[in-house]
Amino acid sequence: MADKKYYTREKVVGGTKYIAQFNGISAALDAVDHSYIDGSSNISTRKLANYIFENVIVEPKGLTPDDFDDVDDFNAVLSWARDVMQGKFREAEDKGTAKAKG
C-alpha cells in the first residue's frame, strides 16, 4: 500500500481565499458517519459543514456557517471542500486510475 498522501487546493470565493486538504478516503467516510441526524438515515448539512470546517478547510481556520455573508458563498465553499474531501480535485491524468497503454 502506498504512503498516505495529503493534497491541498485553493479557491477564492466572495473575495476570501480558502485552502482545503484531502485527508484520504477514510476521512471522507468519517465525515458522512459523523453527519447523520440521530435516529434517521438523513445527513445534516450543519453537521457536515462543521466536520468539513474542522477537518478539511485548513485556511482560514475556525470557520462556522455564520462567517459567511450569504448562503450562496457558504454553499460554494462547502460543495468545493466536499469535492476535495472526496478526492474529486485532481485532473484526469493525475488520478492514477487509467491503465497504461501498450
Protein backbone atom coordinates (compact mmCIF):
# COMPACT_ATOMS: atom_id res chain seq x y z
CA MET A 1 0.00 0.00 0.00
CA ALA A 2 1.30 3.46 -0.86
CA ASP A 3 2.14 6.06 1.76
CA LYS A 4 -0.78 8.27 2.70
CA LYS A 5 -0.77 11.43 0.60
CA TYR A 6 -2.37 14.70 1.55
CA TYR A 7 -3.18 17.30 -1.05
CA THR A 8 -4.27 20.90 -0.67
CA ARG A 9 -6.22 23.04 -3.08
CA GLU A 10 -7.02 26.75 -3.03
CA LYS A 11 -10.13 28.60 -4.12
CA VAL A 12 -11.31 32.18 -3.77
CA VAL A 13 -15.00 32.66 -3.01
CA GLY A 14 -16.51 36.06 -2.24
CA GLY A 15 -13.05 37.61 -2.02
CA THR A 16 -11.79 35.14 0.61
CA LYS A 17 -9.12 32.52 -0.14
CA TYR A 18 -9.88 29.06 1.20
CA ILE A 19 -7.45 26.16 1.40
CA ALA A 20 -8.87 22.64 1.65
CA GLN A 21 -6.93 19.46 2.34
CA PHE A 22 -7.62 15.96 1.06
CA ASN A 23 -7.06 13.66 4.05
CA GLY A 24 -7.82 10.31 2.42
CA ILE A 25 -10.98 8.37 1.70
CA SER A 26 -11.30 7.17 5.30
CA ALA A 27 -11.67 10.78 6.43
CA ALA A 28 -14.40 11.32 3.84
CA LEU A 29 -16.22 8.26 5.15
CA ASP A 30 -15.85 9.57 8.72
CA ALA A 31 -17.42 12.86 7.61
CA VAL A 32 -20.54 11.05 6.45
CA ASP A 33 -20.68 8.84 9.54
CA HIS A 34 -20.48 11.89 11.84
CA SER A 35 -23.13 13.82 9.89
CA TYR A 36 -26.21 11.62 10.24
CA ILE A 37 -29.21 13.02 12.06
CA ASP A 38 -29.75 10.83 15.11
CA GLY A 39 -32.35 8.16 14.53
CA SER A 40 -32.55 8.71 10.78
CA SER A 41 -30.75 7.97 7.54
CA ASN A 42 -30.55 11.68 6.66
CA ILE A 43 -27.40 13.78 6.59
CA SER A 44 -27.37 17.08 8.49
CA THR A 45 -25.91 19.86 6.37
CA ARG A 46 -24.85 21.68 9.53
CA LYS A 47 -23.05 18.62 10.95
CA LEU A 48 -21.35 18.01 7.62
CA ALA A 49 -20.34 21.68 7.35
CA ASN A 50 -18.93 21.64 10.87
CA TYR A 51 -16.93 18.50 10.11
CA ILE A 52 -15.58 20.00 6.88
CA PHE A 53 -14.71 23.32 8.56
CA GLU A 54 -12.84 21.46 11.32
CA ASN A 55 -11.12 18.78 9.22
CA VAL A 56 -10.94 19.81 5.56
CA ILE A 57 -10.68 23.60 5.40
CA VAL A 58 -7.21 24.38 6.74
CA GLU A 59 -7.30 28.13 5.98
CA PRO A 60 -8.96 30.16 7.28
CA LYS A 61 -9.15 28.16 10.49
CA GLY A 62 -12.16 28.05 12.78
CA LEU A 63 -14.86 28.72 10.18
CA THR A 64 -18.52 28.48 11.10
CA PRO A 65 -21.60 28.86 8.91
CA ASP A 66 -22.09 32.34 10.41
CA ASP A 67 -18.79 33.52 8.90
CA PHE A 68 -20.50 33.72 5.50
CA ASP A 69 -22.44 36.75 4.30
CA ASP A 70 -24.84 34.72 2.19
CA VAL A 71 -25.89 31.14 1.60
CA ASP A 72 -24.53 31.13 -1.98
CA ASP A 73 -20.93 31.64 -0.80
CA PHE A 74 -21.48 29.10 2.00
CA ASN A 75 -22.78 26.52 -0.48
CA ALA A 76 -19.97 27.22 -2.97
CA VAL A 77 -17.27 26.69 -0.32
CA LEU A 78 -18.98 23.65 1.18
CA SER A 79 -19.51 21.99 -2.21
CA TRP A 80 -15.92 22.63 -3.31
CA ALA A 81 -14.49 21.44 0.04
CA ARG A 82 -16.65 18.30 -0.12
CA ASP A 83 -15.21 17.56 -3.58
CA VAL A 84 -11.65 18.00 -2.25
CA MET A 85 -12.51 15.80 0.74
CA GLN A 86 -13.72 13.06 -1.64
CA GLY A 87 -10.65 13.32 -3.90
CA LYS A 88 -12.51 14.99 -6.78
CA PHE A 89 -9.92 17.72 -7.26
CA ARG A 90 -7.36 16.03 -9.48
CA GLU A 91 -7.01 16.36 -13.21
CA ALA A 92 -7.98 13.22 -15.12
CA GLU A 93 -4.38 12.27 -15.91
CA ASP A 94 -3.40 12.68 -12.24
CA LYS A 95 -5.92 10.18 -10.83
CA GLY A 96 -3.74 7.15 -11.42
CA THR A 97 -6.75 5.05 -12.43
CA ALA A 98 -6.11 4.88 -16.17
CA LYS A 99 -4.42 1.72 -17.39
CA ALA A 100 -1.15 2.10 -19.23
CA LYS A 101 -1.45 1.82 -22.99
CA GLY A 102 0.92 -0.58 -24.64
